[in-house]
Amino acid sequence: MTIVITLPTFIVGEAERIAQLLQRKDVDHIHIRKPHSTEDEIEALLKELPSDLYKHLVLHDHHHLAVKYNLLGVHLNSRNPQPPKDWKGSVSRSCHSLPEIIEWKPRCDYLSLSPIFDSISKQGYSSAFTHEELKKAAEEGIIDNKVLALGGVTFNKLDYIRSLGFGGAMILGDAWK
C-alpha cells in the first residue's frame, strides 16, 4: 500500500493534484493532514474533489467530516486520539517507536513508523532506525503488512521498503515536488 500525505498548508490546485496522484498506479490513498485547518477549509477541499475519490481519503482532523462524506478512514493523533462515535471505516495512527507499534497494532487497520529515512519535509528530522533494527523487527513480526514506512520516503525507495518487511509506505515531500 502506498499513501500520500498532503502538505500541512493548502496549495493552489490541490484538489486537482490529489486527483492526479490517485490516478497513479502506485498510489492507493491520500491522507488529508492540515493540522491548522478549519472544518470549513477541509470541507471546501472535499467538495472540490469528485465523490468517487472519497473511498481513497483519510482525514487527520475534523473526523466527523469522514462520517458525513463516507470517507475511507480517520487517522488518530494527539489532537484526535479516538475515532468518531460509531465509526465503521478504517483507522490508522502514526508511531515513532517499535513499542508504540506493538501497542497500537491491535486497535488500528494500519500504522506508520517514522522516521525511517531523513525527512524531506521536516528539517532536522533524521532516521531513527538502522537497517538491522528494522529487519529484526520484521523477523519478530512487529513490522508486517499493517506497518507502513514514513519519513524521507520517496517513490524510488518503495521496493527497498517492502524488502524490509513493511506493508508499504507513506509519502509526503516527494509527492509534492
N, C-alpha and C. Protein backbone atom coordinates (compact mmCIF):
# COMPACT_ATOMS: atom_id res chain seq x y z
N MET A 1 0.85 -1.17 0.00
CA MET A 1 0.00 0.00 0.00
C MET A 1 0.90 1.24 0.00
N THR A 2 0.55 2.21 -0.82
CA THR A 2 1.26 3.48 -0.85
C THR A 2 0.26 4.60 -0.62
N ILE A 3 0.57 5.43 0.37
CA ILE A 3 -0.29 6.53 0.76
C ILE A 3 0.49 7.83 0.62
N VAL A 4 -0.16 8.84 0.08
CA VAL A 4 0.43 10.18 0.01
C VAL A 4 -0.25 11.03 1.07
N ILE A 5 0.55 11.81 1.80
CA ILE A 5 0.04 12.74 2.81
C ILE A 5 0.11 14.14 2.22
N THR A 6 -0.95 14.91 2.40
CA THR A 6 -0.95 16.28 1.89
C THR A 6 0.05 17.14 2.65
N LEU A 7 0.42 18.23 2.04
CA LEU A 7 1.22 19.24 2.73
C LEU A 7 0.37 19.82 3.86
N PRO A 8 0.98 20.35 4.91
CA PRO A 8 0.19 20.87 6.03
C PRO A 8 -0.59 22.15 5.70
N THR A 9 -0.18 22.86 4.66
CA THR A 9 -0.89 24.07 4.25
C THR A 9 -1.59 23.81 2.91
N PHE A 10 -2.60 24.58 2.64
CA PHE A 10 -3.33 24.44 1.38
C PHE A 10 -2.50 25.02 0.24
N ILE A 11 -2.59 24.41 -0.93
CA ILE A 11 -1.89 24.91 -2.10
C ILE A 11 -2.88 25.12 -3.24
N VAL A 12 -2.54 26.00 -4.15
CA VAL A 12 -3.39 26.26 -5.31
C VAL A 12 -3.47 24.99 -6.15
N GLY A 13 -4.67 24.62 -6.55
CA GLY A 13 -4.87 23.44 -7.38
C GLY A 13 -4.74 22.12 -6.65
N GLU A 14 -4.88 22.15 -5.32
CA GLU A 14 -4.67 20.94 -4.53
C GLU A 14 -5.65 19.82 -4.87
N ALA A 15 -6.91 20.14 -5.08
CA ALA A 15 -7.88 19.09 -5.41
C ALA A 15 -7.49 18.39 -6.72
N GLU A 16 -7.06 19.16 -7.70
CA GLU A 16 -6.63 18.57 -8.97
C GLU A 16 -5.40 17.70 -8.77
N ARG A 17 -4.47 18.16 -7.93
CA ARG A 17 -3.25 17.39 -7.68
C ARG A 17 -3.57 16.08 -6.94
N ILE A 18 -4.49 16.13 -6.00
CA ILE A 18 -4.93 14.91 -5.29
C ILE A 18 -5.52 13.93 -6.29
N ALA A 19 -6.38 14.42 -7.18
CA ALA A 19 -6.99 13.55 -8.19
C ALA A 19 -5.92 12.93 -9.09
N GLN A 20 -4.92 13.72 -9.48
CA GLN A 20 -3.83 13.20 -10.32
C GLN A 20 -3.03 12.12 -9.59
N LEU A 21 -2.73 12.37 -8.33
CA LEU A 21 -1.98 11.38 -7.56
C LEU A 21 -2.74 10.06 -7.47
N LEU A 22 -4.04 10.13 -7.28
CA LEU A 22 -4.84 8.90 -7.16
C LEU A 22 -4.98 8.18 -8.49
N GLN A 23 -4.65 8.83 -9.59
CA GLN A 23 -4.66 8.16 -10.89
C GLN A 23 -3.40 7.33 -11.11
N ARG A 24 -2.35 7.59 -10.31
CA ARG A 24 -1.11 6.81 -10.43
C ARG A 24 -1.37 5.38 -9.98
N LYS A 25 -0.76 4.43 -10.62
CA LYS A 25 -0.92 3.02 -10.26
C LYS A 25 -0.27 2.71 -8.90
N ASP A 26 0.69 3.54 -8.48
CA ASP A 26 1.40 3.25 -7.24
C ASP A 26 0.92 4.07 -6.04
N VAL A 27 -0.23 4.75 -6.16
CA VAL A 27 -0.80 5.49 -5.03
C VAL A 27 -2.19 4.93 -4.75
N ASP A 28 -2.38 4.45 -3.51
CA ASP A 28 -3.66 3.84 -3.14
C ASP A 28 -4.60 4.82 -2.45
N HIS A 29 -4.04 5.65 -1.55
CA HIS A 29 -4.88 6.55 -0.75
C HIS A 29 -4.17 7.87 -0.51
N ILE A 30 -4.95 8.86 -0.11
CA ILE A 30 -4.43 10.17 0.27
C ILE A 30 -4.88 10.45 1.70
N HIS A 31 -3.92 10.85 2.53
CA HIS A 31 -4.24 11.32 3.88
C HIS A 31 -4.28 12.84 3.83
N ILE A 32 -5.40 13.41 4.21
CA ILE A 32 -5.53 14.87 4.26
C ILE A 32 -5.12 15.29 5.67
N ARG A 33 -3.92 15.86 5.74
CA ARG A 33 -3.34 16.30 7.02
C ARG A 33 -3.09 17.80 6.95
N LYS A 34 -3.98 18.54 7.56
CA LYS A 34 -3.90 20.01 7.61
C LYS A 34 -4.12 20.42 9.07
N PRO A 35 -3.09 20.29 9.92
CA PRO A 35 -3.29 20.45 11.37
C PRO A 35 -3.83 21.80 11.83
N HIS A 36 -3.68 22.82 11.04
CA HIS A 36 -4.16 24.15 11.46
C HIS A 36 -5.39 24.59 10.67
N SER A 37 -6.02 23.65 10.00
CA SER A 37 -7.17 23.98 9.16
C SER A 37 -8.46 24.08 9.97
N THR A 38 -9.40 24.79 9.40
CA THR A 38 -10.74 24.84 9.98
C THR A 38 -11.59 23.75 9.33
N GLU A 39 -12.68 23.45 9.97
CA GLU A 39 -13.62 22.49 9.40
C GLU A 39 -14.09 22.96 8.02
N ASP A 40 -14.39 24.24 7.89
CA ASP A 40 -14.87 24.78 6.62
C ASP A 40 -13.83 24.62 5.51
N GLU A 41 -12.55 24.80 5.85
CA GLU A 41 -11.50 24.66 4.84
C GLU A 41 -11.39 23.21 4.35
N ILE A 42 -11.45 22.27 5.27
CA ILE A 42 -11.38 20.86 4.89
C ILE A 42 -12.60 20.48 4.06
N GLU A 43 -13.76 20.94 4.50
CA GLU A 43 -14.98 20.62 3.76
C GLU A 43 -14.95 21.22 2.35
N ALA A 44 -14.41 22.42 2.21
CA ALA A 44 -14.30 23.04 0.88
C ALA A 44 -13.40 22.21 -0.02
N LEU A 45 -12.29 21.70 0.52
CA LEU A 45 -11.40 20.84 -0.27
C LEU A 45 -12.13 19.57 -0.69
N LEU A 46 -12.84 18.95 0.23
CA LEU A 46 -13.59 17.73 -0.09
C LEU A 46 -14.61 17.98 -1.20
N LYS A 47 -15.29 19.12 -1.13
CA LYS A 47 -16.31 19.44 -2.14
C LYS A 47 -15.71 19.68 -3.52
N GLU A 48 -14.43 20.05 -3.58
CA GLU A 48 -13.75 20.24 -4.87
C GLU A 48 -13.39 18.91 -5.53
N LEU A 49 -13.36 17.85 -4.75
CA LEU A 49 -12.97 16.54 -5.26
C LEU A 49 -14.17 15.75 -5.77
N PRO A 50 -13.99 14.97 -6.83
CA PRO A 50 -15.08 14.10 -7.26
C PRO A 50 -15.42 13.10 -6.16
N SER A 51 -16.68 12.86 -5.93
CA SER A 51 -17.10 11.99 -4.82
C SER A 51 -16.60 10.55 -4.98
N ASP A 52 -16.29 10.12 -6.20
CA ASP A 52 -15.79 8.76 -6.36
C ASP A 52 -14.38 8.59 -5.79
N LEU A 53 -13.71 9.70 -5.44
CA LEU A 53 -12.39 9.62 -4.81
C LEU A 53 -12.48 9.51 -3.28
N TYR A 54 -13.64 9.75 -2.72
CA TYR A 54 -13.79 9.73 -1.26
C TYR A 54 -13.36 8.40 -0.64
N LYS A 55 -13.55 7.31 -1.38
CA LYS A 55 -13.19 5.99 -0.86
C LYS A 55 -11.67 5.82 -0.72
N HIS A 56 -10.90 6.84 -1.15
CA HIS A 56 -9.44 6.80 -1.04
C HIS A 56 -8.90 7.84 -0.07
N LEU A 57 -9.78 8.53 0.66
CA LEU A 57 -9.36 9.65 1.50
C LEU A 57 -9.45 9.33 2.99
N VAL A 58 -8.44 9.80 3.72
CA VAL A 58 -8.38 9.63 5.18
C VAL A 58 -8.14 11.01 5.78
N LEU A 59 -8.88 11.35 6.84
CA LEU A 59 -8.73 12.65 7.50
C LEU A 59 -7.94 12.54 8.79
N HIS A 60 -7.05 13.50 9.01
CA HIS A 60 -6.30 13.59 10.26
C HIS A 60 -7.02 14.49 11.26
N ASP A 61 -7.87 15.36 10.80
CA ASP A 61 -8.60 16.29 11.67
C ASP A 61 -10.04 16.40 11.18
N HIS A 62 -10.90 16.91 12.06
CA HIS A 62 -12.32 17.08 11.72
C HIS A 62 -12.92 15.74 11.27
N HIS A 63 -12.71 14.73 12.10
CA HIS A 63 -13.11 13.36 11.78
C HIS A 63 -14.59 13.22 11.45
N HIS A 64 -15.42 14.06 12.01
CA HIS A 64 -16.86 13.93 11.73
C HIS A 64 -17.15 14.14 10.24
N LEU A 65 -16.25 14.85 9.52
CA LEU A 65 -16.43 15.00 8.08
C LEU A 65 -16.22 13.68 7.35
N ALA A 66 -15.41 12.79 7.92
CA ALA A 66 -15.23 11.47 7.33
C ALA A 66 -16.54 10.69 7.37
N VAL A 67 -17.31 10.90 8.44
CA VAL A 67 -18.63 10.27 8.55
C VAL A 67 -19.58 10.91 7.54
N LYS A 68 -19.61 12.23 7.53
CA LYS A 68 -20.53 12.97 6.65
C LYS A 68 -20.32 12.64 5.18
N TYR A 69 -19.06 12.49 4.75
CA TYR A 69 -18.75 12.26 3.34
C TYR A 69 -18.43 10.80 3.02
N ASN A 70 -18.59 9.92 4.01
CA ASN A 70 -18.34 8.49 3.83
C ASN A 70 -16.94 8.23 3.26
N LEU A 71 -15.95 8.83 3.92
CA LEU A 71 -14.57 8.67 3.50
C LEU A 71 -14.03 7.31 3.95
N LEU A 72 -12.88 6.94 3.42
CA LEU A 72 -12.25 5.67 3.75
C LEU A 72 -11.91 5.57 5.22
N GLY A 73 -11.30 6.65 5.78
CA GLY A 73 -10.83 6.48 7.13
C GLY A 73 -10.50 7.75 7.88
N VAL A 74 -10.08 7.52 9.14
CA VAL A 74 -9.61 8.59 10.02
C VAL A 74 -8.24 8.18 10.55
N HIS A 75 -7.42 9.18 10.80
CA HIS A 75 -6.08 8.96 11.32
C HIS A 75 -6.01 9.55 12.73
N LEU A 76 -5.66 8.74 13.69
CA LEU A 76 -5.60 9.19 15.08
C LEU A 76 -4.29 9.93 15.33
N ASN A 77 -4.38 10.95 16.19
CA ASN A 77 -3.20 11.74 16.57
C ASN A 77 -3.48 12.39 17.91
N SER A 78 -2.58 13.21 18.40
CA SER A 78 -2.77 13.84 19.72
C SER A 78 -3.98 14.77 19.73
N ARG A 79 -4.32 15.36 18.60
CA ARG A 79 -5.50 16.24 18.53
C ARG A 79 -6.80 15.44 18.48
N ASN A 80 -6.72 14.25 17.91
CA ASN A 80 -7.89 13.39 17.71
C ASN A 80 -7.50 11.95 18.07
N PRO A 81 -7.47 11.64 19.37
CA PRO A 81 -6.96 10.33 19.79
C PRO A 81 -7.96 9.17 19.64
N GLN A 82 -9.20 9.47 19.31
CA GLN A 82 -10.23 8.45 19.16
C GLN A 82 -10.99 8.66 17.86
N PRO A 83 -11.46 7.58 17.25
CA PRO A 83 -12.32 7.74 16.07
C PRO A 83 -13.69 8.28 16.48
N PRO A 84 -14.44 8.80 15.52
CA PRO A 84 -15.79 9.28 15.85
C PRO A 84 -16.66 8.15 16.40
N LYS A 85 -17.64 8.52 17.17
CA LYS A 85 -18.57 7.54 17.73
C LYS A 85 -19.21 6.74 16.59
N ASP A 86 -19.28 5.45 16.78
CA ASP A 86 -19.89 4.52 15.81
C ASP A 86 -19.16 4.50 14.46
N TRP A 87 -17.89 4.88 14.43
CA TRP A 87 -17.12 4.87 13.18
C TRP A 87 -16.93 3.43 12.71
N LYS A 88 -17.20 3.18 11.45
CA LYS A 88 -17.08 1.84 10.88
C LYS A 88 -15.95 1.76 9.85
N GLY A 89 -15.33 2.88 9.50
CA GLY A 89 -14.30 2.88 8.47
C GLY A 89 -12.93 2.53 9.02
N SER A 90 -11.93 2.78 8.21
CA SER A 90 -10.55 2.49 8.54
C SER A 90 -10.02 3.43 9.62
N VAL A 91 -9.13 2.89 10.45
CA VAL A 91 -8.47 3.69 11.50
C VAL A 91 -6.97 3.46 11.37
N SER A 92 -6.22 4.56 11.34
CA SER A 92 -4.76 4.48 11.28
C SER A 92 -4.16 5.40 12.32
N ARG A 93 -2.85 5.24 12.53
CA ARG A 93 -2.14 6.07 13.51
C ARG A 93 -0.66 6.06 13.16
N SER A 94 0.01 7.15 13.47
CA SER A 94 1.46 7.25 13.31
C SER A 94 2.15 6.87 14.61
N CYS A 95 3.23 6.11 14.49
CA CYS A 95 4.03 5.69 15.64
C CYS A 95 5.48 6.06 15.39
N HIS A 96 6.21 6.27 16.48
CA HIS A 96 7.61 6.69 16.37
C HIS A 96 8.56 5.75 17.09
N SER A 97 8.04 4.59 17.50
CA SER A 97 8.89 3.58 18.15
C SER A 97 8.25 2.21 17.94
N LEU A 98 9.06 1.20 18.07
CA LEU A 98 8.54 -0.17 17.94
C LEU A 98 7.57 -0.53 19.06
N PRO A 99 7.81 -0.11 20.32
CA PRO A 99 6.79 -0.37 21.35
C PRO A 99 5.43 0.27 21.03
N GLU A 100 5.44 1.45 20.42
CA GLU A 100 4.16 2.07 20.01
C GLU A 100 3.45 1.21 18.96
N ILE A 101 4.22 0.66 18.02
CA ILE A 101 3.63 -0.22 17.00
C ILE A 101 2.94 -1.40 17.69
N ILE A 102 3.64 -2.02 18.62
CA ILE A 102 3.09 -3.17 19.35
C ILE A 102 1.80 -2.77 20.08
N GLU A 103 1.81 -1.60 20.72
CA GLU A 103 0.64 -1.13 21.47
C GLU A 103 -0.56 -0.87 20.58
N TRP A 104 -0.36 -0.21 19.44
CA TRP A 104 -1.48 0.25 18.63
C TRP A 104 -1.93 -0.72 17.53
N LYS A 105 -1.11 -1.67 17.18
CA LYS A 105 -1.45 -2.58 16.08
C LYS A 105 -2.82 -3.26 16.26
N PRO A 106 -3.16 -3.75 17.46
CA PRO A 106 -4.46 -4.40 17.61
C PRO A 106 -5.66 -3.46 17.43
N ARG A 107 -5.44 -2.16 17.58
CA ARG A 107 -6.55 -1.20 17.54
C ARG A 107 -6.68 -0.47 16.21
N CYS A 108 -5.75 -0.69 15.29
CA CYS A 108 -5.76 0.07 14.03
C CYS A 108 -5.70 -0.87 12.84
N ASP A 109 -6.20 -0.39 11.72
CA ASP A 109 -6.13 -1.15 10.47
C ASP A 109 -4.72 -1.11 9.89
N TYR A 110 -4.04 0.02 10.07
CA TYR A 110 -2.64 0.13 9.68
C TYR A 110 -2.00 1.26 10.46
N LEU A 111 -0.66 1.22 10.51
CA LEU A 111 0.13 2.20 11.27
C LEU A 111 1.28 2.66 10.39
N SER A 112 1.81 3.83 10.71
CA SER A 112 3.07 4.24 10.09
C SER A 112 4.13 4.27 11.17
N LEU A 113 5.37 3.98 10.76
CA LEU A 113 6.52 4.06 11.65
C LEU A 113 7.48 5.06 11.05
N SER A 114 7.90 6.04 11.87
CA SER A 114 8.79 7.07 11.34
C SER A 114 9.71 7.61 12.44
N PRO A 115 10.79 8.25 12.00
CA PRO A 115 11.26 8.40 10.62
C PRO A 115 12.19 7.25 10.21
N ILE A 116 11.90 6.68 9.07
CA ILE A 116 12.71 5.58 8.54
C ILE A 116 13.97 6.12 7.87
N PHE A 117 13.82 7.21 7.12
CA PHE A 117 14.95 7.89 6.48
C PHE A 117 14.95 9.33 6.97
N ASP A 118 15.98 10.08 6.67
CA ASP A 118 16.00 11.51 6.98
C ASP A 118 14.86 12.18 6.23
N SER A 119 14.09 13.00 6.93
CA SER A 119 12.91 13.63 6.36
C SER A 119 13.25 14.58 5.22
N ILE A 120 12.39 14.60 4.23
CA ILE A 120 12.48 15.54 3.11
C ILE A 120 11.81 16.85 3.49
N SER A 121 10.72 16.78 4.26
CA SER A 121 9.90 17.96 4.53
C SER A 121 10.12 18.60 5.90
N LYS A 122 10.77 17.88 6.82
CA LYS A 122 10.99 18.42 8.17
C LYS A 122 12.48 18.50 8.45
N GLN A 123 13.00 19.70 8.53
CA GLN A 123 14.42 19.90 8.80
C GLN A 123 14.79 19.28 10.15
N GLY A 124 15.94 18.57 10.20
CA GLY A 124 16.42 18.02 11.45
C GLY A 124 15.72 16.76 11.91
N TYR A 125 14.80 16.23 11.12
CA TYR A 125 14.06 15.02 11.48
C TYR A 125 14.77 13.85 10.81
N SER A 126 15.69 13.23 11.55
CA SER A 126 16.58 12.21 10.99
C SER A 126 16.08 10.80 11.28
N SER A 127 16.57 9.88 10.48
CA SER A 127 16.23 8.46 10.63
C SER A 127 16.45 8.01 12.07
N ALA A 128 15.50 7.26 12.60
CA ALA A 128 15.57 6.80 13.98
C ALA A 128 15.89 5.30 14.09
N PHE A 129 16.03 4.64 12.94
CA PHE A 129 16.19 3.19 12.95
C PHE A 129 17.31 2.78 12.00
N THR A 130 18.04 1.74 12.39
CA THR A 130 19.04 1.17 11.49
C THR A 130 18.39 0.09 10.64
N HIS A 131 19.05 -0.25 9.56
CA HIS A 131 18.59 -1.34 8.70
C HIS A 131 18.44 -2.62 9.52
N GLU A 132 19.41 -2.89 10.38
CA GLU A 132 19.39 -4.10 11.19
C GLU A 132 18.21 -4.11 12.17
N GLU A 133 17.92 -2.97 12.79
CA GLU A 133 16.78 -2.89 13.72
C GLU A 133 15.47 -3.18 12.99
N LEU A 134 15.33 -2.64 11.79
CA LEU A 134 14.10 -2.84 11.03
C LEU A 134 13.96 -4.29 10.59
N LYS A 135 15.04 -4.90 10.13
CA LYS A 135 14.99 -6.31 9.72
C LYS A 135 14.64 -7.20 10.91
N LYS A 136 15.23 -6.92 12.07
CA LYS A 136 14.95 -7.71 13.28
C LYS A 136 13.48 -7.56 13.68
N ALA A 137 12.96 -6.32 13.62
CA ALA A 137 11.55 -6.08 13.96
C ALA A 137 10.62 -6.83 13.00
N ALA A 138 11.02 -6.94 11.75
CA ALA A 138 10.22 -7.72 10.79
C ALA A 138 10.29 -9.21 11.12
N GLU A 139 11.47 -9.69 11.46
CA GLU A 139 11.63 -11.10 11.83
C GLU A 139 10.79 -11.44 13.06
N GLU A 140 10.63 -10.48 13.96
CA GLU A 140 9.84 -10.69 15.18
C GLU A 140 8.35 -10.45 14.96
N GLY A 141 7.96 -10.05 13.76
CA GLY A 141 6.56 -9.81 13.45
C GLY A 141 6.04 -8.46 13.89
N ILE A 142 6.91 -7.59 14.34
CA ILE A 142 6.48 -6.24 14.74
C ILE A 142 6.17 -5.43 13.49
N ILE A 143 7.11 -5.45 12.54
CA ILE A 143 6.87 -4.82 11.24
C ILE A 143 6.30 -5.90 10.34
N ASP A 144 5.15 -5.58 9.74
CA ASP A 144 4.48 -6.51 8.83
C ASP A 144 3.61 -5.72 7.87
N ASN A 145 2.64 -6.37 7.25
CA ASN A 145 1.79 -5.71 6.25
C ASN A 145 0.97 -4.55 6.80
N LYS A 146 0.75 -4.52 8.11
CA LYS A 146 -0.03 -3.44 8.72
C LYS A 146 0.81 -2.20 9.02
N VAL A 147 2.12 -2.28 8.82
CA VAL A 147 3.02 -1.19 9.18
C VAL A 147 3.62 -0.58 7.91
N LEU A 148 3.47 0.73 7.79
CA LEU A 148 3.97 1.46 6.63
C LEU A 148 5.13 2.35 7.04
N ALA A 149 6.13 2.44 6.19
CA ALA A 149 7.29 3.30 6.44
C ALA A 149 6.93 4.75 6.15
N LEU A 150 7.41 5.66 6.99
CA LEU A 150 7.18 7.10 6.82
C LEU A 150 8.46 7.83 7.21
N GLY A 151 8.68 8.94 6.57
CA GLY A 151 9.83 9.78 6.89
C GLY A 151 10.93 9.62 5.87
N GLY A 152 11.06 10.59 4.98
CA GLY A 152 12.10 10.56 3.96
C GLY A 152 11.83 9.56 2.85
N VAL A 153 10.61 9.06 2.78
CA VAL A 153 10.26 8.06 1.78
C VAL A 153 10.04 8.73 0.43
N THR A 154 10.63 8.13 -0.60
CA THR A 154 10.43 8.57 -1.98
C THR A 154 9.87 7.39 -2.77
N PHE A 155 9.28 7.69 -3.90
CA PHE A 155 8.71 6.62 -4.73
C PHE A 155 9.79 5.61 -5.13
N ASN A 156 11.02 6.06 -5.34
CA ASN A 156 12.06 5.12 -5.78
C ASN A 156 12.59 4.25 -4.65
N LYS A 157 12.13 4.43 -3.42
CA LYS A 157 12.55 3.59 -2.29
C LYS A 157 11.51 2.52 -1.93
N LEU A 158 10.42 2.44 -2.68
CA LEU A 158 9.32 1.54 -2.31
C LEU A 158 9.74 0.07 -2.30
N ASP A 159 10.51 -0.37 -3.27
CA ASP A 159 10.94 -1.78 -3.30
C ASP A 159 11.82 -2.10 -2.09
N TYR A 160 12.75 -1.20 -1.77
CA TYR A 160 13.61 -1.39 -0.61
C TYR A 160 12.79 -1.48 0.67
N ILE A 161 11.81 -0.60 0.81
CA ILE A 161 10.95 -0.59 2.00
C ILE A 161 10.21 -1.91 2.14
N ARG A 162 9.69 -2.43 1.06
CA ARG A 162 8.99 -3.72 1.11
C ARG A 162 9.97 -4.84 1.47
N SER A 163 11.22 -4.74 1.02
CA SER A 163 12.21 -5.77 1.34
C SER A 163 12.53 -5.81 2.84
N LEU A 164 12.24 -4.70 3.55
CA LEU A 164 12.44 -4.65 4.99
C LEU A 164 11.26 -5.24 5.76
N GLY A 165 10.20 -5.63 5.07
CA GLY A 165 9.05 -6.23 5.72
C GLY A 165 7.85 -5.32 5.88
N PHE A 166 7.99 -4.05 5.49
CA PHE A 166 6.86 -3.12 5.59
C PHE A 166 5.78 -3.49 4.57
N GLY A 167 4.55 -3.17 4.91
CA GLY A 167 3.43 -3.38 4.00
C GLY A 167 3.31 -2.29 2.96
N GLY A 168 4.15 -1.31 3.02
CA GLY A 168 4.12 -0.19 2.08
C GLY A 168 4.71 1.04 2.73
N ALA A 169 4.28 2.20 2.23
CA ALA A 169 4.87 3.45 2.71
C ALA A 169 3.89 4.60 2.61
N MET A 170 4.21 5.63 3.40
CA MET A 170 3.51 6.91 3.34
C MET A 170 4.52 7.93 2.83
N ILE A 171 4.09 8.71 1.85
CA ILE A 171 4.99 9.66 1.20
C ILE A 171 4.42 11.06 1.35
N LEU A 172 5.29 11.98 1.75
CA LEU A 172 4.88 13.39 1.88
C LEU A 172 5.68 14.24 0.90
N GLY A 173 6.90 14.60 1.25
CA GLY A 173 7.68 15.55 0.49
C GLY A 173 7.86 15.21 -0.98
N ASP A 174 8.19 13.96 -1.27
CA ASP A 174 8.47 13.55 -2.65
C ASP A 174 7.25 13.69 -3.55
N ALA A 175 6.06 13.55 -3.02
CA ALA A 175 4.84 13.59 -3.83
C ALA A 175 4.46 14.99 -4.27
N TRP A 176 4.97 16.00 -3.61
CA TRP A 176 4.53 17.37 -3.86
C TRP A 176 5.61 18.23 -4.50
N LYS A 177 6.70 17.61 -4.95
CA LYS A 177 7.78 18.37 -5.59
C LYS A 177 7.28 18.99 -6.87
